[in-house]
C-alpha atoms as a PDB file:
ATOM      1  CA  UNK A   1       0.000   0.000   0.000  1.00  0.00           C
ATOM      2  CA  UNK A   2       1.465   3.267  -1.070  1.00  0.00           C
ATOM      3  CA  UNK A   3       1.310   6.081   1.488  1.00  0.00           C
ATOM      4  CA  UNK A   4       0.921   9.540   0.041  1.00  0.00           C
ATOM      5  CA  UNK A   5       2.707  12.361   1.753  1.00  0.00           C
ATOM      6  CA  UNK A   6       1.131  15.665   2.802  1.00  0.00           C
ATOM      7  CA  UNK A   7       3.433  18.378   1.466  1.00  0.00           C
ATOM      8  CA  UNK A   8       2.023  20.831   4.014  1.00  0.00           C
ATOM      9  CA  UNK A   9       2.160  18.503   6.988  1.00  0.00           C
ATOM     10  CA  UNK A  10       5.603  19.486   8.287  1.00  0.00           C
ATOM     11  CA  UNK A  11       4.833  23.153   7.681  1.00  0.00           C
ATOM     12  CA  UNK A  12       1.590  22.895   9.587  1.00  0.00           C
ATOM     13  CA  UNK A  13       3.250  21.140  12.507  1.00  0.00           C
ATOM     14  CA  UNK A  14       5.996  23.757  12.617  1.00  0.00           C
ATOM     15  CA  UNK A  15       3.438  26.556  12.554  1.00  0.00           C
ATOM     16  CA  UNK A  16       1.540  24.914  15.399  1.00  0.00           C
ATOM     17  CA  UNK A  17       4.711  24.532  17.441  1.00  0.00           C
ATOM     18  CA  UNK A  18       5.618  28.189  16.835  1.00  0.00           C
ATOM     19  CA  UNK A  19       2.159  29.344  17.910  1.00  0.00           C
ATOM     20  CA  UNK A  20       2.422  27.299  21.094  1.00  0.00           C
ATOM     21  CA  UNK A  21       5.879  28.664  21.908  1.00  0.00           C
ATOM     22  CA  UNK A  22       4.717  32.236  21.312  1.00  0.00           C
ATOM     23  CA  UNK A  23       1.929  31.649  23.808  1.00  0.00           C
ATOM     24  CA  UNK A  24       3.917  29.927  26.551  1.00  0.00           C
ATOM     25  CA  UNK A  25       7.612  30.453  25.810  1.00  0.00           C
ATOM     26  CA  UNK A  26      10.371  30.217  26.689  1.00  0.00           C
ATOM     27  CA  UNK A  27      11.782  33.140  24.749  1.00  0.00           C
ATOM     28  CA  UNK A  28      14.799  31.372  23.246  1.00  0.00           C
ATOM     29  CA  UNK A  29      12.768  28.461  21.857  1.00  0.00           C
ATOM     30  CA  UNK A  30      10.143  30.828  20.441  1.00  0.00           C
ATOM     31  CA  UNK A  31      12.860  32.862  18.726  1.00  0.00           C
ATOM     32  CA  UNK A  32      14.513  29.722  17.361  1.00  0.00           C
ATOM     33  CA  UNK A  33      11.191  28.413  16.013  1.00  0.00           C
ATOM     34  CA  UNK A  34      10.367  31.762  14.394  1.00  0.00           C
ATOM     35  CA  UNK A  35      13.762  31.893  12.688  1.00  0.00           C
ATOM     36  CA  UNK A  36      13.320  28.333  11.423  1.00  0.00           C
ATOM     37  CA  UNK A  37       9.777  29.010  10.220  1.00  0.00           C
ATOM     38  CA  UNK A  38      10.928  32.004   8.170  1.00  0.00           C
ATOM     39  CA  UNK A  39      14.075  30.254   6.942  1.00  0.00           C
ATOM     40  CA  UNK A  40      16.310  33.194   7.804  1.00  0.00           C
ATOM     41  CA  UNK A  41      19.966  32.535   8.696  1.00  0.00           C
ATOM     42  CA  UNK A  42      21.394  34.720  11.445  1.00  0.00           C
ATOM     43  CA  UNK A  43      23.649  36.750   9.147  1.00  0.00           C
ATOM     44  CA  UNK A  44      20.612  37.837   7.109  1.00  0.00           C
ATOM     45  CA  UNK A  45      18.740  38.741  10.288  1.00  0.00           C
ATOM     46  CA  UNK A  46      21.725  40.804  11.406  1.00  0.00           C
ATOM     47  CA  UNK A  47      21.761  42.583   8.034  1.00  0.00           C
ATOM     48  CA  UNK A  48      18.049  43.425   8.276  1.00  0.00           C
ATOM     49  CA  UNK A  49      18.505  44.771  11.795  1.00  0.00           C
ATOM     50  CA  UNK A  50      21.450  46.874  10.602  1.00  0.00           C
ATOM     51  CA  UNK A  51      19.299  48.353   7.842  1.00  0.00           C
ATOM     52  CA  UNK A  52      17.052  49.640  10.650  1.00  0.00           C
ATOM     53  CA  UNK A  53      20.006  51.186  12.446  1.00  0.00           C
ATOM     54  CA  UNK A  54      20.180  48.434  15.097  1.00  0.00           C
ATOM     55  CA  UNK A  55      23.574  46.845  15.737  1.00  0.00           C
ATOM     56  CA  UNK A  56      23.461  43.301  17.102  1.00  0.00           C
ATOM     57  CA  UNK A  57      26.150  40.704  16.481  1.00  0.00           C
ATOM     58  CA  UNK A  58      25.511  37.258  15.043  1.00  0.00           C
ATOM     59  CA  UNK A  59      27.010  35.821  18.223  1.00  0.00           C
ATOM     60  CA  UNK A  60      24.452  37.637  20.368  1.00  0.00           C
ATOM     61  CA  UNK A  61      21.592  36.431  18.172  1.00  0.00           C
ATOM     62  CA  UNK A  62      22.944  32.899  18.464  1.00  0.00           C
ATOM     63  CA  UNK A  63      23.157  33.171  22.252  1.00  0.00           C
ATOM     64  CA  UNK A  64      19.576  34.451  22.395  1.00  0.00           C
ATOM     65  CA  UNK A  65      18.158  31.511  20.467  1.00  0.00           C
ATOM     66  CA  UNK A  66      20.242  29.052  22.492  1.00  0.00           C
ATOM     67  CA  UNK A  67      19.105  30.487  25.808  1.00  0.00           C
ATOM     68  CA  UNK A  68      22.686  31.303  26.824  1.00  0.00           C
ATOM     69  CA  UNK A  69      21.779  34.990  27.195  1.00  0.00           C
ATOM     70  CA  UNK A  70      18.595  37.061  27.401  1.00  0.00           C
ATOM     71  CA  UNK A  71      18.247  40.485  25.767  1.00  0.00           C
ATOM     72  CA  UNK A  72      17.964  43.118  28.525  1.00  0.00           C
ATOM     73  CA  UNK A  73      19.735  46.316  27.449  1.00  0.00           C
ATOM     74  CA  UNK A  74      17.598  48.983  25.731  1.00  0.00           C
ATOM     75  CA  UNK A  75      19.337  48.419  22.376  1.00  0.00           C
ATOM     76  CA  UNK A  76      18.782  44.663  22.671  1.00  0.00           C
ATOM     77  CA  UNK A  77      15.100  45.137  23.480  1.00  0.00           C
ATOM     78  CA  UNK A  78      14.785  47.460  20.500  1.00  0.00           C
ATOM     79  CA  UNK A  79      16.255  44.647  18.396  1.00  0.00           C
ATOM     80  CA  UNK A  80      13.685  42.181  19.747  1.00  0.00           C
ATOM     81  CA  UNK A  81      10.850  44.534  18.765  1.00  0.00           C
ATOM     82  CA  UNK A  82      12.359  44.806  15.281  1.00  0.00           C
ATOM     83  CA  UNK A  83      12.649  41.004  15.082  1.00  0.00           C
ATOM     84  CA  UNK A  84       8.889  40.758  15.524  1.00  0.00           C
ATOM     85  CA  UNK A  85       8.493  42.738  12.300  1.00  0.00           C
ATOM     86  CA  UNK A  86      11.302  40.968  10.443  1.00  0.00           C
ATOM     87  CA  UNK A  87       9.937  37.535  11.384  1.00  0.00           C
ATOM     88  CA  UNK A  88       6.324  38.554  10.611  1.00  0.00           C
ATOM     89  CA  UNK A  89       5.128  38.011  14.193  1.00  0.00           C
ATOM     90  CA  UNK A  90       2.357  39.824  16.083  1.00  0.00           C
ATOM     91  CA  UNK A  91       3.417  42.974  17.901  1.00  0.00           C
ATOM     92  CA  UNK A  92       4.723  42.049  21.351  1.00  0.00           C
ATOM     93  CA  UNK A  93       4.910  38.318  20.576  1.00  0.00           C
ATOM     94  CA  UNK A  94       8.575  38.050  21.608  1.00  0.00           C
ATOM     95  CA  UNK A  95       8.928  40.989  23.998  1.00  0.00           C
ATOM     96  CA  UNK A  96       6.131  39.660  26.229  1.00  0.00           C
ATOM     97  CA  UNK A  97       8.133  36.445  26.747  1.00  0.00           C
ATOM     98  CA  UNK A  98      10.856  38.523  28.407  1.00  0.00           C
ATOM     99  CA  UNK A  99       8.402  39.708  31.072  1.00  0.00           C
ATOM    100  CA  UNK A 100       7.707  37.817  34.312  1.00  0.00           C
ATOM    101  CA  UNK A 101       5.017  35.203  33.662  1.00  0.00           C
ATOM    102  CA  UNK A 102       2.424  37.067  35.721  1.00  0.00           C
ATOM    103  CA  UNK A 103       2.887  40.249  33.708  1.00  0.00           C
ATOM    104  CA  UNK A 104       2.383  38.729  30.258  1.00  0.00           C
ATOM    105  CA  UNK A 105      -0.530  39.330  27.922  1.00  0.00           C
ATOM    106  CA  UNK A 106      -1.544  37.560  24.750  1.00  0.00           C
ATOM    107  CA  UNK A 107       0.369  38.613  21.598  1.00  0.00           C
ATOM    108  CA  UNK A 108      -1.148  41.684  19.981  1.00  0.00           C
ATOM    109  CA  UNK A 109      -2.974  42.812  23.131  1.00  0.00           C
ATOM    110  CA  UNK A 110      -1.810  45.823  25.138  1.00  0.00           C
ATOM    111  CA  UNK A 111       0.439  45.062  28.106  1.00  0.00           C
ATOM    112  CA  UNK A 112      -1.151  45.328  31.508  1.00  0.00           C
ATOM    113  CA  UNK A 113       1.082  48.076  32.885  1.00  0.00           C
ATOM    114  CA  UNK A 114       2.539  51.370  31.748  1.00  0.00           C
ATOM    115  CA  UNK A 115       6.237  50.620  31.599  1.00  0.00           C
ATOM    116  CA  UNK A 116       6.044  47.194  29.921  1.00  0.00           C
ATOM    117  CA  UNK A 117       3.759  48.860  27.399  1.00  0.00           C
ATOM    118  CA  UNK A 118       6.238  51.689  27.103  1.00  0.00           C
ATOM    119  CA  UNK A 119       8.886  49.120  26.198  1.00  0.00           C
ATOM    120  CA  UNK A 120       6.737  48.076  23.232  1.00  0.00           C
ATOM    121  CA  UNK A 121       6.051  51.743  22.469  1.00  0.00           C
ATOM    122  CA  UNK A 122       9.717  52.702  22.559  1.00  0.00           C
ATOM    123  CA  UNK A 123       9.851  53.466  18.864  1.00  0.00           C
ATOM    124  CA  UNK A 124       6.911  55.882  19.194  1.00  0.00           C
ATOM    125  CA  UNK A 125       8.605  57.659  22.100  1.00  0.00           C
ATOM    126  CA  UNK A 126      11.833  57.967  20.134  1.00  0.00           C
ATOM    127  CA  UNK A 127       9.966  59.452  17.170  1.00  0.00           C
ATOM    128  CA  UNK A 128       8.234  62.028  19.362  1.00  0.00           C
ATOM    129  CA  UNK A 129      11.517  63.010  21.015  1.00  0.00           C
ATOM    130  CA  UNK A 130      13.169  63.302  17.612  1.00  0.00           C
ATOM    131  CA  UNK A 131      10.294  65.455  16.359  1.00  0.00           C
ATOM    132  CA  UNK A 132      10.947  67.839  19.241  1.00  0.00           C
ATOM    133  CA  UNK A 133      14.702  67.745  18.489  1.00  0.00           C
ATOM    134  CA  UNK A 134      15.677  66.401  21.892  1.00  0.00           C
ATOM    135  CA  UNK A 135      19.372  65.399  22.209  1.00  0.00           C
ATOM    136  CA  UNK A 136      20.355  62.094  23.773  1.00  0.00           C
ATOM    137  CA  UNK A 137      20.916  63.445  27.304  1.00  0.00           C
ATOM    138  CA  UNK A 138      19.075  66.772  27.111  1.00  0.00           C
ATOM    139  CA  UNK A 139      22.018  68.592  28.671  1.00  0.00           C
ATOM    140  CA  UNK A 140      20.598  68.025  32.157  1.00  0.00           C
ATOM    141  CA  UNK A 141      21.259  65.753  35.110  1.00  0.00           C
ATOM    142  CA  UNK A 142      18.654  65.178  37.802  1.00  0.00           C
ATOM    143  CA  UNK A 143      19.614  66.319  41.292  1.00  0.00           C
ATOM    144  CA  UNK A 144      16.257  65.464  42.841  1.00  0.00           C
ATOM    145  CA  UNK A 145      12.793  64.459  41.676  1.00  0.00           C
ATOM    146  CA  UNK A 146       9.701  64.262  43.904  1.00  0.00           C
ATOM    147  CA  UNK A 147       6.739  62.710  42.116  1.00  0.00           C
ATOM    148  CA  UNK A 148       3.177  62.460  43.480  1.00  0.00           C
ATOM    149  CA  UNK A 149       0.768  60.072  41.766  1.00  0.00           C
ATOM    150  CA  UNK A 150      -2.994  60.189  42.390  1.00  0.00           C
ATOM    151  CA  UNK A 151      -5.283  57.152  41.999  1.00  0.00           C
ATOM    152  CA  UNK A 152      -8.968  58.015  41.660  1.00  0.00           C
ATOM    153  CA  UNK A 153     -12.183  56.532  42.999  1.00  0.00           C
ATOM    154  CA  UNK A 154     -12.562  54.469  39.820  1.00  0.00           C
ATOM    155  CA  UNK A 155      -9.123  52.839  40.378  1.00  0.00           C
ATOM    156  CA  UNK A 156      -7.706  54.959  37.548  1.00  0.00           C
ATOM    157  CA  UNK A 157      -4.514  56.999  37.332  1.00  0.00           C
ATOM    158  CA  UNK A 158      -6.135  60.414  37.705  1.00  0.00           C
ATOM    159  CA  UNK A 159      -2.953  62.462  37.558  1.00  0.00           C
ATOM    160  CA  UNK A 160       0.575  63.094  38.754  1.00  0.00           C
ATOM    161  CA  UNK A 161       2.681  66.065  39.786  1.00  0.00           C
ATOM    162  CA  UNK A 162       6.442  66.490  39.747  1.00  0.00           C
ATOM    163  CA  UNK A 163       8.853  68.841  41.426  1.00  0.00           C
ATOM    164  CA  UNK A 164      12.159  68.488  39.627  1.00  0.00           C
ATOM    165  CA  UNK A 165      15.634  69.838  40.377  1.00  0.00           C
ATOM    166  CA  UNK A 166      18.184  69.550  37.556  1.00  0.00           C
ATOM    167  CA  UNK A 167      21.767  70.640  36.900  1.00  0.00           C
ATOM    168  CA  UNK A 168      22.947  71.708  33.440  1.00  0.00           C
ATOM    169  CA  UNK A 169      26.152  70.181  32.147  1.00  0.00           C
ATOM    170  CA  UNK A 170      26.433  72.479  29.149  1.00  0.00           C
ATOM    171  CA  UNK A 171      25.559  76.089  28.367  1.00  0.00           C
ATOM    172  CA  UNK A 172      22.293  77.215  26.826  1.00  0.00           C
ATOM    173  CA  UNK A 173      19.844  74.603  28.152  1.00  0.00           C
ATOM    174  CA  UNK A 174      16.379  76.158  28.479  1.00  0.00           C
ATOM    175  CA  UNK A 175      13.852  73.309  28.336  1.00  0.00           C
ATOM    176  CA  UNK A 176      12.940  69.823  29.493  1.00  0.00           C
ATOM    177  CA  UNK A 177      10.827  67.124  27.829  1.00  0.00           C
ATOM    178  CA  UNK A 178       8.454  65.265  30.167  1.00  0.00           C
ATOM    179  CA  UNK A 179       6.998  61.904  29.122  1.00  0.00           C
ATOM    180  CA  UNK A 180       3.661  60.561  30.316  1.00  0.00           C
ATOM    181  CA  UNK A 181       2.415  57.079  29.472  1.00  0.00           C
ATOM    182  CA  UNK A 182      -1.109  56.251  30.587  1.00  0.00           C
ATOM    183  CA  UNK A 183      -2.594  52.910  31.475  1.00  0.00           C
ATOM    184  CA  UNK A 184      -4.234  50.767  28.774  1.00  0.00           C
ATOM    185  CA  UNK A 185      -7.230  52.628  27.372  1.00  0.00           C
ATOM    186  CA  UNK A 186      -5.660  56.050  27.922  1.00  0.00           C
ATOM    187  CA  UNK A 187      -6.691  58.732  25.430  1.00  0.00           C
ATOM    188  CA  UNK A 188      -3.577  60.920  25.106  1.00  0.00           C
ATOM    189  CA  UNK A 189      -5.543  63.621  23.276  1.00  0.00           C
ATOM    190  CA  UNK A 190      -7.475  64.235  26.506  1.00  0.00           C
ATOM    191  CA  UNK A 191      -4.450  64.270  28.832  1.00  0.00           C
ATOM    192  CA  UNK A 192      -3.821  67.792  30.140  1.00  0.00           C
ATOM    193  CA  UNK A 193      -0.309  69.123  30.681  1.00  0.00           C
ATOM    194  CA  UNK A 194       0.105  71.616  33.518  1.00  0.00           C
ATOM    195  CA  UNK A 195       3.218  73.769  33.777  1.00  0.00           C
ATOM    196  CA  UNK A 196       3.659  74.936  37.356  1.00  0.00           C
ATOM    197  CA  UNK A 197       6.524  76.855  38.956  1.00  0.00           C
ATOM    198  CA  UNK A 198       9.397  78.280  36.908  1.00  0.00           C
ATOM    199  CA  UNK A 199       8.322  76.883  33.519  1.00  0.00           C
ATOM    200  CA  UNK A 200       5.638  77.126  30.856  1.00  0.00           C
ATOM    201  CA  UNK A 201       4.217  74.617  28.403  1.00  0.00           C
ATOM    202  CA  UNK A 202       5.700  74.540  24.918  1.00  0.00           C
ATOM    203  CA  UNK A 203       4.916  71.994  22.227  1.00  0.00           C
ATOM    204  CA  UNK A 204       2.963  68.843  23.113  1.00  0.00           C
ATOM    205  CA  UNK A 205       2.988  65.689  21.011  1.00  0.00           C
ATOM    206  CA  UNK A 206       1.183  62.396  21.566  1.00  0.00           C
ATOM    207  CA  UNK A 207       0.782  58.930  20.076  1.00  0.00           C
ATOM    208  CA  UNK A 208      -2.760  57.578  20.270  1.00  0.00           C
ATOM    209  CA  UNK A 209      -2.045  53.856  19.890  1.00  0.00           C
ATOM    210  CA  UNK A 210       0.398  53.729  22.809  1.00  0.00           C
ATOM    211  CA  UNK A 211      -1.082  56.423  25.052  1.00  0.00           C
ATOM    212  CA  UNK A 212       2.194  58.361  25.178  1.00  0.00           C
ATOM    213  CA  UNK A 213       2.342  62.139  25.678  1.00  0.00           C
ATOM    214  CA  UNK A 214       5.565  64.152  25.367  1.00  0.00           C
ATOM    215  CA  UNK A 215       5.413  67.738  26.656  1.00  0.00           C
ATOM    216  CA  UNK A 216       8.009  70.465  26.190  1.00  0.00           C
ATOM    217  CA  UNK A 217       8.523  72.552  29.347  1.00  0.00           C
ATOM    218  CA  UNK A 218      10.225  75.885  28.710  1.00  0.00           C
ATOM    219  CA  UNK A 219      12.355  77.335  31.516  1.00  0.00           C
ATOM    220  CA  UNK A 220      12.155  80.945  32.643  1.00  0.00           C
ATOM    221  CA  UNK A 221      15.934  81.225  32.241  1.00  0.00           C
ATOM    222  CA  UNK A 222      18.682  79.905  29.991  1.00  0.00           C
ATOM    223  CA  UNK A 223      21.086  77.810  32.065  1.00  0.00           C
ATOM    224  CA  UNK A 224      24.859  77.813  32.053  1.00  0.00           C
ATOM    225  CA  UNK A 225      26.915  74.703  32.701  1.00  0.00           C
ATOM    226  CA  UNK A 226      26.772  73.909  36.413  1.00  0.00           C
ATOM    227  CA  UNK A 227      23.567  75.868  37.083  1.00  0.00           C
ATOM    228  CA  UNK A 228      20.771  74.162  39.003  1.00  0.00           C
ATOM    229  CA  UNK A 229      17.105  74.767  38.284  1.00  0.00           C
ATOM    230  CA  UNK A 230      13.882  73.872  40.103  1.00  0.00           C
ATOM    231  CA  UNK A 231      10.596  73.541  38.215  1.00  0.00           C
ATOM    232  CA  UNK A 232       7.230  71.854  38.585  1.00  0.00           C
ATOM    233  CA  UNK A 233       4.771  70.276  36.191  1.00  0.00           C
ATOM    234  CA  UNK A 234       1.943  67.764  36.092  1.00  0.00           C
ATOM    235  CA  UNK A 235      -0.330  65.645  33.920  1.00  0.00           C
ATOM    236  CA  UNK A 236      -4.072  65.254  34.416  1.00  0.00           C
ATOM    237  CA  UNK A 237      -5.181  61.921  32.983  1.00  0.00           C
ATOM    238  CA  UNK A 238      -8.106  59.852  34.276  1.00  0.00           C
ATOM    239  CA  UNK A 239      -8.745  58.398  30.804  1.00  0.00           C
ATOM    240  CA  UNK A 240      -7.256  54.915  31.266  1.00  0.00           C
ATOM    241  CA  UNK A 241      -8.484  51.709  32.835  1.00  0.00           C
ATOM    242  CA  UNK A 242      -7.804  50.205  36.247  1.00  0.00           C
ATOM    243  CA  UNK A 243      -4.295  51.005  37.463  1.00  0.00           C
ATOM    244  CA  UNK A 244      -2.189  48.535  39.447  1.00  0.00           C
ATOM    245  CA  UNK A 245       1.324  50.018  39.479  1.00  0.00           C
ATOM    246  CA  UNK A 246       3.393  53.051  38.607  1.00  0.00           C
ATOM    247  CA  UNK A 247       6.933  52.849  37.260  1.00  0.00           C
ATOM    248  CA  UNK A 248       9.662  55.258  36.264  1.00  0.00           C
ATOM    249  CA  UNK A 249      12.695  54.438  34.134  1.00  0.00           C
ATOM    250  CA  UNK A 250      16.104  56.068  34.591  1.00  0.00           C
ATOM    251  CA  UNK A 251      18.626  56.268  31.760  1.00  0.00           C
ATOM    252  CA  UNK A 252      21.371  57.738  33.967  1.00  0.00           C
ATOM    253  CA  UNK A 253      22.529  57.112  37.509  1.00  0.00           C
ATOM    254  CA  UNK A 254      22.592  59.781  40.199  1.00  0.00           C
ATOM    255  CA  UNK A 255      20.247  62.065  42.080  1.00  0.00           C
ATOM    256  CA  UNK A 256      17.432  61.392  44.516  1.00  0.00           C
ATOM    257  CA  UNK A 257      13.985  60.124  43.594  1.00  0.00           C
ATOM    258  CA  UNK A 258      10.881  60.146  45.787  1.00  0.00           C
ATOM    259  CA  UNK A 259       7.662  58.530  44.589  1.00  0.00           C
ATOM    260  CA  UNK A 260       4.393  58.893  46.490  1.00  0.00           C
ATOM    261  CA  UNK A 261       1.161  57.170  45.448  1.00  0.00           C
ATOM    262  CA  UNK A 262      -2.039  58.442  47.059  1.00  0.00           C
ATOM    263  CA  UNK A 263      -5.350  56.594  46.814  1.00  0.00           C
ATOM    264  CA  UNK A 264      -8.894  57.917  46.926  1.00  0.00           C
ATOM    265  CA  UNK A 265     -10.788  56.892  50.057  1.00  0.00           C
ATOM    266  CA  UNK A 266     -13.273  55.026  47.851  1.00  0.00           C
ATOM    267  CA  UNK A 267     -10.525  52.867  46.299  1.00  0.00           C
ATOM    268  CA  UNK A 268      -8.028  51.593  48.851  1.00  0.00           C
ATOM    269  CA  UNK A 269      -5.652  48.719  47.950  1.00  0.00           C
ATOM    270  CA  UNK A 270      -5.191  45.660  50.155  1.00  0.00           C
ATOM    271  CA  UNK A 271      -1.425  45.484  49.622  1.00  0.00           C
ATOM    272  CA  UNK A 272       1.349  47.759  48.301  1.00  0.00           C
ATOM    273  CA  UNK A 273       4.987  47.017  47.482  1.00  0.00           C
ATOM    274  CA  UNK A 274       8.023  48.667  45.946  1.00  0.00           C
ATOM    275  CA  UNK A 275      10.329  47.020  43.423  1.00  0.00           C
ATOM    276  CA  UNK A 276      13.188  47.666  41.043  1.00  0.00           C
ATOM    277  CA  UNK A 277      14.313  46.266  37.688  1.00  0.00           C
ATOM    278  CA  UNK A 278      17.557  46.582  35.774  1.00  0.00           C
ATOM    279  CA  UNK A 279      15.530  47.124  32.594  1.00  0.00           C
ATOM    280  CA  UNK A 280      12.276  46.233  30.794  1.00  0.00           C
ATOM    281  CA  UNK A 281      11.733  42.484  30.886  1.00  0.00           C
ATOM    282  CA  UNK A 282      14.320  41.925  33.637  1.00  0.00           C
ATOM    283  CA  UNK A 283      13.296  40.113  36.840  1.00  0.00           C
ATOM    284  CA  UNK A 284      11.981  42.340  39.593  1.00  0.00           C
ATOM    285  CA  UNK A 285      14.199  42.685  42.639  1.00  0.00           C
ATOM    286  CA  UNK A 286      14.305  44.564  45.933  1.00  0.00           C
ATOM    287  CA  UNK A 287      10.611  43.789  46.407  1.00  0.00           C
ATOM    288  CA  UNK A 288       9.374  45.043  49.784  1.00  0.00           C
ATOM    289  CA  UNK A 289       5.955  45.650  51.280  1.00  0.00           C
ATOM    290  CA  UNK A 290       5.030  49.286  51.934  1.00  0.00           C
ATOM    291  CA  UNK A 291       2.988  50.412  54.916  1.00  0.00           C
ATOM    292  CA  UNK A 292       0.363  53.044  54.037  1.00  0.00           C
ATOM    293  CA  UNK A 293       0.369  56.287  55.969  1.00  0.00           C
ATOM    294  CA  UNK A 294      -2.054  59.199  56.186  1.00  0.00           C
ATOM    295  CA  UNK A 295      -5.165  57.187  57.111  1.00  0.00           C
ATOM    296  CA  UNK A 296      -4.036  54.338  54.858  1.00  0.00           C
ATOM    297  CA  UNK A 297      -4.230  56.476  51.747  1.00  0.00           C
ATOM    298  CA  UNK A 298      -0.593  56.881  50.672  1.00  0.00           C
ATOM    299  CA  UNK A 299       2.625  54.924  50.239  1.00  0.00           C
ATOM    300  CA  UNK A 300       6.041  56.112  49.117  1.00  0.00           C
ATOM    301  CA  UNK A 301       9.585  55.102  48.290  1.00  0.00           C
ATOM    302  CA  UNK A 302      12.819  57.070  48.562  1.00  0.00           C
ATOM    303  CA  UNK A 303      15.934  56.312  46.528  1.00  0.00           C
ATOM    304  CA  UNK A 304      18.842  58.522  47.564  1.00  0.00           C
ATOM    305  CA  UNK A 305      21.168  57.379  44.784  1.00  0.00           C
ATOM    306  CA  UNK A 306      19.305  56.392  41.636  1.00  0.00           C
ATOM    307  CA  UNK A 307      20.789  53.688  39.413  1.00  0.00           C
ATOM    308  CA  UNK A 308      20.036  53.035  35.772  1.00  0.00           C
ATOM    309  CA  UNK A 309      16.896  50.962  35.449  1.00  0.00           C
ATOM    310  CA  UNK A 310      13.369  51.079  36.811  1.00  0.00           C
ATOM    311  CA  UNK A 311      11.784  51.895  40.162  1.00  0.00           C
ATOM    312  CA  UNK A 312       8.122  51.436  40.914  1.00  0.00           C
ATOM    313  CA  UNK A 313       5.278  50.805  43.315  1.00  0.00           C
ATOM    314  CA  UNK A 314       2.615  48.171  42.703  1.00  0.00           C
ATOM    315  CA  UNK A 315      -0.620  47.423  44.532  1.00  0.00           C
ATOM    316  CA  UNK A 316      -3.373  44.807  44.737  1.00  0.00           C
ATOM    317  CA  UNK A 317      -7.044  45.720  44.832  1.00  0.00           C
ATOM    318  CA  UNK A 318      -8.257  42.392  46.206  1.00  0.00           C
END
């Protein structure tokens, strides 16, 4: 009896295996399966990344698909987002596998929290910064930053206020670009920017799909190298869904950061904790419970010497 072969059988099995790996991981096996499914050797992948201005070595790509290393640096994560396009995968299909299991969402759906979503929206942020002609470091270093976040009665991020002290490290600096990224469902067109002390609002740009707002804050004086400057600003939001954490990323070390999260009396969490990460997708460390103060309405963290990476506060509603 002659058995006929199904020319699409192997292809179908491979596609099914890839879909399963994209759902459950791990990252390195999903990447390996996607590369095999598209039939792209690593040197061609490297060339396509280079054409997008992303430099990643063939050795690094090999380590990623073997599981010997995980992409963690901002440039590496940018490469992973580009790989999703190159390998014809859904947006976020690979980057979500670099998140802790509890923080993952299905491919193509928005991430559950602001900063993981911001990781996927990094290209949009970069475009907005480039549109406003913002240099890589902005000419400023943070001396101190006190941020107050307000959670409303509907469990939403209703707004946040910042008091910021910076030091110029070159002459002529007269502005700062503040970035706001709302929770899933945020309508950036309805987010209000408020310039407070010692600054005024300049240009404002936003990206609807990612909920990112970039606001130009113009100083009342032009700084010389070594000058310090104190200014305040805020964002009124309230357009997103239920909020469960607030995170801030730091590209440079140094300075003090204070984060306070205050909850409406009608929406009090059952547990709060602080945490840190070395970068998007990295494991969370330094996790510690926070005791609310002020009639159980507020928690805070203080970091006297900020390191590169992420600091945040998370909370549980039930």
